[in-house]
Amino acid sequence: MDTEQIGLSESSILKFWALAKGCLKDEDVSVSLCLTDPEVLAPPAWSFGDSPEMANELLALVLEGKKTATSGLYQEYVDEDEPLPQVGDLSIIMDGQSEPKVLIQEAEVRIVPFIEVSEEQALAEGEGDLETWREIHREVWKRRGFDITDNTLVVWERFTVLWPDVC
């Protein structure tokens, strides 16, 4: 979800970003430009899941250290003309009430067929084992209008929480 879709005020994101980047050091992020150039805007802000309740549940898993990865459909990136995530990218993660809560950085990005998502990758998402991961993701993506096959491409991302953890 982008900030326009969820109606989050830009000032809320900018306040969060000012706090987060004020706490970070150049070695905390590979993109040190974002910390030193006042013209650089805040990273994209979004929430996990497809409902406020799911956003809160998944954010809680991140804050507990149980969720260190996420995944999306490659086709959604294509359909929405969004760039694929890259290692080093920063994102602000919001709760179900559209409040920014966590700054993350991409540590690993893989594009794999749905059937090739591994047990390790599923466990990193913090929602259960591989079979549970498959059930949950098929259901979520079906609600979004996608029929998932074994060959459906998934963008799997491992991330690191930078803030508030590093302060």
N, C-alpha and C. Protein backbone atom coordinates (compact mmCIF):
# COMPACT_ATOMS: atom_id res chain seq x y z
N MET A 1 0.84 -1.17 0.00
CA MET A 1 0.00 0.00 0.00
C MET A 1 0.89 1.24 0.00
N ASP A 2 0.58 2.19 -0.86
CA ASP A 2 1.35 3.41 -0.79
C ASP A 2 0.60 4.45 0.03
N THR A 3 1.27 5.57 0.27
CA THR A 3 0.68 6.56 1.18
C THR A 3 -0.60 7.17 0.63
N GLU A 4 -0.74 7.26 -0.69
CA GLU A 4 -1.97 7.81 -1.25
C GLU A 4 -3.13 6.86 -1.00
N GLN A 5 -2.90 5.57 -1.13
CA GLN A 5 -3.97 4.60 -0.96
C GLN A 5 -4.50 4.59 0.46
N ILE A 6 -3.66 4.79 1.43
CA ILE A 6 -4.12 4.66 2.80
C ILE A 6 -4.38 6.01 3.46
N GLY A 7 -4.16 7.09 2.75
CA GLY A 7 -4.50 8.40 3.27
C GLY A 7 -3.60 8.87 4.39
N LEU A 8 -2.39 8.36 4.46
CA LEU A 8 -1.47 8.77 5.51
C LEU A 8 -0.93 10.16 5.19
N SER A 9 -0.90 11.01 6.18
CA SER A 9 -0.39 12.36 5.94
C SER A 9 1.11 12.32 5.75
N GLU A 10 1.57 13.12 4.83
CA GLU A 10 3.00 13.19 4.54
C GLU A 10 3.77 13.67 5.77
N SER A 11 3.18 14.54 6.56
CA SER A 11 3.90 15.06 7.73
C SER A 11 4.18 13.96 8.75
N SER A 12 3.29 12.99 8.90
CA SER A 12 3.51 11.88 9.82
C SER A 12 4.70 11.05 9.38
N ILE A 13 4.79 10.80 8.09
CA ILE A 13 5.92 10.04 7.56
C ILE A 13 7.21 10.84 7.73
N LEU A 14 7.16 12.12 7.41
CA LEU A 14 8.36 12.95 7.50
C LEU A 14 8.85 13.07 8.94
N LYS A 15 7.94 13.16 9.90
CA LYS A 15 8.33 13.21 11.31
C LYS A 15 9.01 11.90 11.71
N PHE A 16 8.41 10.78 11.31
CA PHE A 16 8.99 9.48 11.61
C PHE A 16 10.38 9.38 10.99
N TRP A 17 10.49 9.75 9.73
CA TRP A 17 11.76 9.67 9.00
C TRP A 17 12.82 10.54 9.68
N ALA A 18 12.46 11.72 10.12
CA ALA A 18 13.42 12.59 10.80
C ALA A 18 13.94 11.93 12.08
N LEU A 19 13.06 11.30 12.85
CA LEU A 19 13.48 10.59 14.06
C LEU A 19 14.37 9.40 13.72
N ALA A 20 13.95 8.61 12.75
CA ALA A 20 14.69 7.40 12.39
C ALA A 20 16.06 7.74 11.84
N LYS A 21 16.14 8.64 10.88
CA LYS A 21 17.44 8.91 10.28
C LYS A 21 18.35 9.67 11.24
N GLY A 22 17.77 10.38 12.19
CA GLY A 22 18.60 11.06 13.19
C GLY A 22 19.30 10.08 14.11
N CYS A 23 18.76 8.88 14.23
CA CYS A 23 19.32 7.85 15.10
C CYS A 23 20.32 6.97 14.36
N LEU A 24 20.22 6.89 13.05
CA LEU A 24 21.07 6.00 12.28
C LEU A 24 22.44 6.61 12.03
N LYS A 25 23.38 5.76 11.81
CA LYS A 25 24.72 6.17 11.43
C LYS A 25 24.98 5.66 10.02
N ASP A 26 25.95 6.24 9.35
CA ASP A 26 26.24 5.84 7.98
C ASP A 26 26.43 4.34 7.85
N GLU A 27 27.07 3.70 8.82
CA GLU A 27 27.32 2.26 8.70
C GLU A 27 26.05 1.43 8.92
N ASP A 28 24.98 2.03 9.44
CA ASP A 28 23.74 1.30 9.63
C ASP A 28 23.02 1.04 8.32
N VAL A 29 23.26 1.85 7.33
CA VAL A 29 22.60 1.67 6.04
C VAL A 29 23.62 1.81 4.92
N SER A 30 23.41 1.04 3.88
CA SER A 30 24.33 1.10 2.76
C SER A 30 24.07 2.32 1.88
N VAL A 31 22.93 2.93 2.05
CA VAL A 31 22.59 4.10 1.26
C VAL A 31 22.79 5.34 2.13
N SER A 32 24.04 5.70 2.37
CA SER A 32 24.31 6.79 3.31
C SER A 32 23.83 8.14 2.79
N LEU A 33 23.61 8.25 1.49
CA LEU A 33 23.10 9.50 0.93
C LEU A 33 21.80 9.91 1.62
N CYS A 34 20.97 8.93 1.95
CA CYS A 34 19.68 9.26 2.55
C CYS A 34 19.83 9.93 3.90
N LEU A 35 20.97 9.78 4.54
CA LEU A 35 21.18 10.37 5.86
C LEU A 35 21.79 11.76 5.80
N THR A 36 22.45 12.07 4.69
CA THR A 36 23.19 13.32 4.63
C THR A 36 22.61 14.36 3.69
N ASP A 37 21.79 13.95 2.75
CA ASP A 37 21.24 14.86 1.77
C ASP A 37 19.83 15.29 2.19
N PRO A 38 19.65 16.55 2.59
CA PRO A 38 18.33 16.99 3.05
C PRO A 38 17.27 16.96 1.95
N GLU A 39 17.68 16.87 0.69
CA GLU A 39 16.73 16.84 -0.41
C GLU A 39 16.13 15.45 -0.62
N VAL A 40 16.74 14.43 -0.03
CA VAL A 40 16.23 13.08 -0.20
C VAL A 40 14.96 12.91 0.62
N LEU A 41 13.92 12.45 -0.04
CA LEU A 41 12.64 12.26 0.63
C LEU A 41 12.65 10.99 1.46
N ALA A 42 11.65 10.86 2.27
CA ALA A 42 11.50 9.66 3.09
C ALA A 42 11.32 8.44 2.19
N PRO A 43 11.73 7.28 2.69
CA PRO A 43 11.52 6.04 1.93
C PRO A 43 10.03 5.77 1.76
N PRO A 44 9.68 4.84 0.88
CA PRO A 44 8.27 4.48 0.73
C PRO A 44 7.70 3.96 2.04
N ALA A 45 6.44 4.27 2.28
CA ALA A 45 5.76 3.82 3.50
C ALA A 45 4.62 2.89 3.10
N TRP A 46 4.52 1.77 3.77
CA TRP A 46 3.49 0.79 3.46
C TRP A 46 3.26 -0.11 4.66
N SER A 47 2.23 -0.95 4.58
CA SER A 47 1.96 -1.88 5.66
C SER A 47 1.87 -3.29 5.10
N PHE A 48 2.10 -4.25 5.97
CA PHE A 48 1.99 -5.66 5.59
C PHE A 48 0.51 -6.04 5.48
N GLY A 49 0.23 -7.06 4.67
CA GLY A 49 -1.10 -7.63 4.62
C GLY A 49 -2.09 -6.83 3.80
N ASP A 50 -3.36 -7.23 3.93
CA ASP A 50 -4.39 -6.58 3.13
C ASP A 50 -5.56 -6.08 3.97
N SER A 51 -5.32 -5.88 5.27
CA SER A 51 -6.35 -5.31 6.14
C SER A 51 -5.65 -4.66 7.33
N PRO A 52 -6.33 -3.74 8.00
CA PRO A 52 -5.71 -3.13 9.19
C PRO A 52 -5.36 -4.17 10.26
N GLU A 53 -6.22 -5.16 10.42
CA GLU A 53 -5.96 -6.19 11.44
C GLU A 53 -4.70 -7.00 11.09
N MET A 54 -4.59 -7.37 9.81
CA MET A 54 -3.41 -8.12 9.38
C MET A 54 -2.16 -7.27 9.49
N ALA A 55 -2.27 -6.00 9.15
CA ALA A 55 -1.12 -5.10 9.26
C ALA A 55 -0.62 -5.06 10.70
N ASN A 56 -1.53 -4.97 11.66
CA ASN A 56 -1.14 -4.94 13.08
C ASN A 56 -0.54 -6.26 13.52
N GLU A 57 -1.13 -7.37 13.10
CA GLU A 57 -0.61 -8.69 13.48
C GLU A 57 0.80 -8.90 12.95
N LEU A 58 1.00 -8.57 11.68
CA LEU A 58 2.32 -8.79 11.07
C LEU A 58 3.36 -7.82 11.62
N LEU A 59 2.95 -6.58 11.88
CA LEU A 59 3.87 -5.63 12.50
C LEU A 59 4.30 -6.12 13.88
N ALA A 60 3.37 -6.68 14.64
CA ALA A 60 3.71 -7.22 15.97
C ALA A 60 4.76 -8.32 15.84
N LEU A 61 4.66 -9.15 14.82
CA LEU A 61 5.66 -10.20 14.59
C LEU A 61 7.03 -9.59 14.28
N VAL A 62 7.04 -8.50 13.52
CA VAL A 62 8.30 -7.80 13.22
C VAL A 62 8.90 -7.27 14.52
N LEU A 63 8.09 -6.60 15.33
CA LEU A 63 8.58 -6.00 16.58
C LEU A 63 9.06 -7.06 17.58
N GLU A 64 8.50 -8.27 17.51
CA GLU A 64 8.93 -9.37 18.36
C GLU A 64 10.16 -10.08 17.80
N GLY A 65 10.58 -9.71 16.60
CA GLY A 65 11.72 -10.35 15.96
C GLY A 65 11.40 -11.67 15.29
N LYS A 66 10.11 -12.00 15.19
CA LYS A 66 9.70 -13.28 14.59
C LYS A 66 9.52 -13.18 13.07
N LYS A 67 9.29 -12.00 12.57
CA LYS A 67 9.10 -11.78 11.13
C LYS A 67 10.28 -10.98 10.60
N THR A 68 11.08 -11.62 9.76
CA THR A 68 12.25 -10.97 9.18
C THR A 68 12.21 -11.03 7.65
N ALA A 69 11.05 -11.39 7.11
CA ALA A 69 10.90 -11.50 5.66
C ALA A 69 9.45 -11.26 5.28
N THR A 70 9.25 -11.00 4.01
CA THR A 70 7.91 -10.83 3.47
C THR A 70 7.93 -11.25 2.02
N SER A 71 6.78 -11.35 1.42
CA SER A 71 6.73 -11.72 0.01
C SER A 71 5.55 -11.05 -0.67
N GLY A 72 5.70 -10.86 -1.95
CA GLY A 72 4.65 -10.28 -2.77
C GLY A 72 4.63 -10.98 -4.11
N LEU A 73 3.63 -10.68 -4.88
CA LEU A 73 3.52 -11.27 -6.21
C LEU A 73 4.27 -10.43 -7.23
N TYR A 74 5.08 -11.07 -8.01
CA TYR A 74 5.80 -10.39 -9.09
C TYR A 74 4.79 -9.66 -10.00
N GLN A 75 3.67 -10.32 -10.29
CA GLN A 75 2.68 -9.75 -11.19
C GLN A 75 2.10 -8.44 -10.66
N GLU A 76 1.99 -8.30 -9.35
CA GLU A 76 1.50 -7.03 -8.79
C GLU A 76 2.47 -5.89 -9.08
N TYR A 77 3.76 -6.17 -9.00
CA TYR A 77 4.74 -5.14 -9.34
C TYR A 77 4.58 -4.73 -10.81
N VAL A 78 4.40 -5.71 -11.68
CA VAL A 78 4.21 -5.43 -13.10
C VAL A 78 2.93 -4.63 -13.32
N ASP A 79 1.82 -5.11 -12.75
CA ASP A 79 0.52 -4.46 -12.94
C ASP A 79 0.51 -3.03 -12.43
N GLU A 80 1.20 -2.77 -11.33
CA GLU A 80 1.20 -1.44 -10.72
C GLU A 80 2.38 -0.59 -11.19
N ASP A 81 3.18 -1.12 -12.11
CA ASP A 81 4.36 -0.43 -12.64
C ASP A 81 5.26 0.06 -11.51
N GLU A 82 5.45 -0.81 -10.52
CA GLU A 82 6.30 -0.51 -9.36
C GLU A 82 7.66 -1.16 -9.55
N PRO A 83 8.73 -0.48 -9.15
CA PRO A 83 10.05 -1.12 -9.25
C PRO A 83 10.15 -2.27 -8.24
N LEU A 84 10.88 -3.29 -8.63
CA LEU A 84 11.13 -4.40 -7.71
C LEU A 84 12.04 -3.94 -6.59
N PRO A 85 11.86 -4.49 -5.39
CA PRO A 85 12.76 -4.13 -4.29
C PRO A 85 14.18 -4.56 -4.60
N GLN A 86 15.14 -3.81 -4.07
CA GLN A 86 16.55 -4.09 -4.26
C GLN A 86 17.24 -4.16 -2.90
N VAL A 87 18.28 -4.96 -2.80
CA VAL A 87 19.05 -5.00 -1.56
C VAL A 87 19.52 -3.59 -1.24
N GLY A 88 19.34 -3.19 0.00
CA GLY A 88 19.72 -1.84 0.44
C GLY A 88 18.55 -0.87 0.50
N ASP A 89 17.46 -1.17 -0.19
CA ASP A 89 16.28 -0.29 -0.16
C ASP A 89 15.76 -0.14 1.27
N LEU A 90 15.30 1.04 1.58
CA LEU A 90 14.67 1.32 2.88
C LEU A 90 13.16 1.43 2.70
N SER A 91 12.42 1.06 3.73
CA SER A 91 10.97 1.23 3.75
C SER A 91 10.53 1.56 5.16
N ILE A 92 9.47 2.34 5.25
CA ILE A 92 8.82 2.63 6.52
C ILE A 92 7.60 1.72 6.60
N ILE A 93 7.52 0.94 7.66
CA ILE A 93 6.39 0.03 7.84
C ILE A 93 5.40 0.66 8.80
N MET A 94 4.13 0.63 8.40
CA MET A 94 3.08 1.26 9.17
C MET A 94 2.17 0.22 9.81
N ASP A 95 1.46 0.65 10.83
CA ASP A 95 0.49 -0.23 11.47
C ASP A 95 -0.84 -0.14 10.73
N GLY A 96 -1.85 -0.80 11.24
CA GLY A 96 -3.16 -0.83 10.61
C GLY A 96 -3.91 0.48 10.66
N GLN A 97 -3.42 1.42 11.46
CA GLN A 97 -4.03 2.74 11.54
C GLN A 97 -3.23 3.77 10.75
N SER A 98 -2.34 3.28 9.89
CA SER A 98 -1.53 4.13 9.00
C SER A 98 -0.53 5.00 9.74
N GLU A 99 -0.07 4.51 10.88
CA GLU A 99 0.97 5.22 11.61
C GLU A 99 2.32 4.55 11.37
N PRO A 100 3.34 5.31 11.00
CA PRO A 100 4.66 4.72 10.76
C PRO A 100 5.26 4.20 12.07
N LYS A 101 5.83 2.99 12.02
CA LYS A 101 6.34 2.35 13.24
C LYS A 101 7.76 1.83 13.14
N VAL A 102 8.18 1.36 11.97
CA VAL A 102 9.46 0.67 11.85
C VAL A 102 10.13 1.06 10.53
N LEU A 103 11.44 1.23 10.58
CA LEU A 103 12.24 1.43 9.38
C LEU A 103 12.98 0.13 9.10
N ILE A 104 12.81 -0.40 7.89
CA ILE A 104 13.51 -1.63 7.52
C ILE A 104 14.41 -1.38 6.32
N GLN A 105 15.36 -2.30 6.15
CA GLN A 105 16.24 -2.27 4.98
C GLN A 105 16.26 -3.65 4.35
N GLU A 106 16.14 -3.70 3.04
CA GLU A 106 16.19 -4.97 2.32
C GLU A 106 17.59 -5.58 2.45
N ALA A 107 17.64 -6.83 2.87
CA ALA A 107 18.91 -7.54 3.00
C ALA A 107 19.09 -8.60 1.91
N GLU A 108 17.98 -9.10 1.39
CA GLU A 108 18.02 -10.14 0.36
C GLU A 108 16.71 -10.09 -0.41
N VAL A 109 16.79 -10.24 -1.71
CA VAL A 109 15.59 -10.27 -2.56
C VAL A 109 15.75 -11.43 -3.54
N ARG A 110 14.74 -12.27 -3.61
CA ARG A 110 14.73 -13.40 -4.55
C ARG A 110 13.39 -13.44 -5.27
N ILE A 111 13.45 -13.76 -6.55
CA ILE A 111 12.23 -14.02 -7.31
C ILE A 111 12.21 -15.51 -7.61
N VAL A 112 11.19 -16.17 -7.07
CA VAL A 112 11.11 -17.63 -7.19
C VAL A 112 9.68 -18.05 -7.51
N PRO A 113 9.51 -19.18 -8.18
CA PRO A 113 8.16 -19.72 -8.35
C PRO A 113 7.57 -20.07 -6.98
N PHE A 114 6.27 -19.93 -6.85
CA PHE A 114 5.56 -20.20 -5.60
C PHE A 114 5.99 -21.53 -4.99
N ILE A 115 6.08 -22.57 -5.80
CA ILE A 115 6.41 -23.91 -5.30
C ILE A 115 7.84 -23.99 -4.77
N GLU A 116 8.71 -23.05 -5.16
CA GLU A 116 10.11 -23.10 -4.74
C GLU A 116 10.40 -22.25 -3.50
N VAL A 117 9.38 -21.61 -2.94
CA VAL A 117 9.59 -20.94 -1.66
C VAL A 117 9.91 -22.04 -0.65
N SER A 118 11.02 -21.89 0.04
CA SER A 118 11.51 -22.94 0.93
C SER A 118 10.90 -22.84 2.33
N GLU A 119 11.07 -23.90 3.08
CA GLU A 119 10.63 -23.90 4.47
C GLU A 119 11.33 -22.77 5.23
N GLU A 120 12.63 -22.60 4.99
CA GLU A 120 13.38 -21.53 5.66
C GLU A 120 12.80 -20.16 5.33
N GLN A 121 12.48 -19.94 4.07
CA GLN A 121 11.91 -18.66 3.67
C GLN A 121 10.54 -18.46 4.31
N ALA A 122 9.73 -19.50 4.32
CA ALA A 122 8.39 -19.39 4.93
C ALA A 122 8.51 -19.10 6.42
N LEU A 123 9.39 -19.79 7.11
CA LEU A 123 9.57 -19.58 8.55
C LEU A 123 10.02 -18.15 8.86
N ALA A 124 10.85 -17.57 7.98
CA ALA A 124 11.33 -16.20 8.20
C ALA A 124 10.19 -15.18 8.15
N GLU A 125 9.07 -15.56 7.54
CA GLU A 125 7.93 -14.65 7.50
C GLU A 125 7.13 -14.66 8.80
N GLY A 126 7.44 -15.62 9.68
CA GLY A 126 6.90 -15.59 11.04
C GLY A 126 5.47 -16.05 11.22
N GLU A 127 4.87 -16.62 10.18
CA GLU A 127 3.45 -16.97 10.28
C GLU A 127 3.21 -18.48 10.37
N GLY A 128 4.27 -19.25 10.44
CA GLY A 128 4.11 -20.70 10.53
C GLY A 128 5.01 -21.42 9.54
N ASP A 129 4.76 -22.73 9.40
CA ASP A 129 5.59 -23.55 8.52
C ASP A 129 5.22 -23.32 7.05
N LEU A 130 5.87 -24.06 6.16
CA LEU A 130 5.69 -23.85 4.72
C LEU A 130 4.25 -24.07 4.28
N GLU A 131 3.60 -25.12 4.77
CA GLU A 131 2.21 -25.37 4.37
C GLU A 131 1.29 -24.24 4.82
N THR A 132 1.51 -23.73 6.04
CA THR A 132 0.72 -22.60 6.53
C THR A 132 0.98 -21.38 5.66
N TRP A 133 2.26 -21.14 5.34
CA TRP A 133 2.62 -20.01 4.48
C TRP A 133 1.87 -20.11 3.15
N ARG A 134 1.89 -21.29 2.56
CA ARG A 134 1.21 -21.46 1.27
C ARG A 134 -0.28 -21.19 1.38
N GLU A 135 -0.92 -21.72 2.41
CA GLU A 135 -2.36 -21.50 2.59
C GLU A 135 -2.69 -20.02 2.76
N ILE A 136 -1.95 -19.35 3.65
CA ILE A 136 -2.20 -17.93 3.92
C ILE A 136 -2.00 -17.10 2.66
N HIS A 137 -0.90 -17.33 1.96
CA HIS A 137 -0.60 -16.50 0.80
C HIS A 137 -1.54 -16.78 -0.37
N ARG A 138 -1.91 -18.01 -0.57
CA ARG A 138 -2.90 -18.31 -1.62
C ARG A 138 -4.20 -17.56 -1.33
N GLU A 139 -4.62 -17.59 -0.06
CA GLU A 139 -5.87 -16.93 0.33
C GLU A 139 -5.79 -15.41 0.14
N VAL A 140 -4.71 -14.81 0.61
CA VAL A 140 -4.55 -13.35 0.49
C VAL A 140 -4.51 -12.95 -0.98
N TRP A 141 -3.72 -13.65 -1.77
CA TRP A 141 -3.58 -13.27 -3.18
C TRP A 141 -4.86 -13.57 -3.96
N LYS A 142 -5.60 -14.58 -3.55
CA LYS A 142 -6.89 -14.86 -4.20
C LYS A 142 -7.85 -13.70 -3.94
N ARG A 143 -7.85 -13.16 -2.72
CA ARG A 143 -8.71 -12.00 -2.41
C ARG A 143 -8.36 -10.81 -3.29
N ARG A 144 -7.11 -10.76 -3.73
CA ARG A 144 -6.67 -9.66 -4.61
C ARG A 144 -6.92 -9.97 -6.08
N GLY A 145 -7.51 -11.14 -6.36
CA GLY A 145 -7.86 -11.46 -7.73
C GLY A 145 -6.87 -12.33 -8.48
N PHE A 146 -5.94 -12.96 -7.79
CA PHE A 146 -4.93 -13.79 -8.44
C PHE A 146 -5.16 -15.26 -8.15
N ASP A 147 -5.07 -16.07 -9.18
CA ASP A 147 -5.08 -17.52 -9.02
C ASP A 147 -3.63 -17.98 -8.96
N ILE A 148 -3.25 -18.58 -7.86
CA ILE A 148 -1.86 -18.95 -7.64
C ILE A 148 -1.63 -20.38 -8.11
N THR A 149 -0.63 -20.54 -8.98
CA THR A 149 -0.19 -21.86 -9.41
C THR A 149 1.21 -22.09 -8.87
N ASP A 150 1.71 -23.29 -9.06
CA ASP A 150 3.08 -23.59 -8.62
C ASP A 150 4.10 -22.70 -9.30
N ASN A 151 3.79 -22.22 -10.50
CA ASN A 151 4.74 -21.42 -11.27
C ASN A 151 4.57 -19.91 -11.10
N THR A 152 3.60 -19.49 -10.30
CA THR A 152 3.40 -18.06 -10.05
C THR A 152 4.65 -17.49 -9.39
N LEU A 153 5.17 -16.40 -9.94
CA LEU A 153 6.40 -15.81 -9.41
C LEU A 153 6.13 -14.99 -8.15
N VAL A 154 6.97 -15.23 -7.15
CA VAL A 154 6.89 -14.56 -5.85
C VAL A 154 8.16 -13.75 -5.65
N VAL A 155 8.01 -12.53 -5.19
CA VAL A 155 9.15 -11.70 -4.81
C VAL A 155 9.31 -11.86 -3.30
N TRP A 156 10.34 -12.59 -2.90
CA TRP A 156 10.58 -12.86 -1.48
C TRP A 156 11.69 -11.94 -1.00
N GLU A 157 11.45 -11.30 0.17
CA GLU A 157 12.39 -10.30 0.68
C GLU A 157 12.72 -10.58 2.14
N ARG A 158 14.02 -10.63 2.44
CA ARG A 158 14.47 -10.67 3.83
C ARG A 158 14.88 -9.24 4.17
N PHE A 159 14.51 -8.79 5.37
CA PHE A 159 14.81 -7.42 5.76
C PHE A 159 15.42 -7.37 7.15
N THR A 160 16.01 -6.24 7.44
CA THR A 160 16.57 -5.97 8.76
C THR A 160 15.85 -4.75 9.32
N VAL A 161 15.46 -4.81 10.59
CA VAL A 161 14.86 -3.65 11.24
C VAL A 161 16.00 -2.71 11.64
N LEU A 162 15.94 -1.49 11.16
CA LEU A 162 16.96 -0.50 11.49
C LEU A 162 16.52 0.41 12.64
N TRP A 163 15.26 0.74 12.65
CA TRP A 163 14.77 1.63 13.69
C TRP A 163 13.35 1.25 14.01
N PRO A 164 13.01 1.07 15.25
CA PRO A 164 13.66 1.61 16.44
C PRO A 164 14.77 0.76 17.05
N ASP A 165 15.09 -0.42 16.51
CA ASP A 165 16.04 -1.31 17.16
C ASP A 165 17.46 -0.79 17.35
N VAL A 166 17.96 0.02 16.42
CA VAL A 166 19.37 0.41 16.53
C VAL A 166 19.64 1.51 17.52
N CYS A 167 18.63 2.15 18.04
CA CYS A 167 18.84 3.26 18.98
C CYS A 167 19.07 2.76 20.41
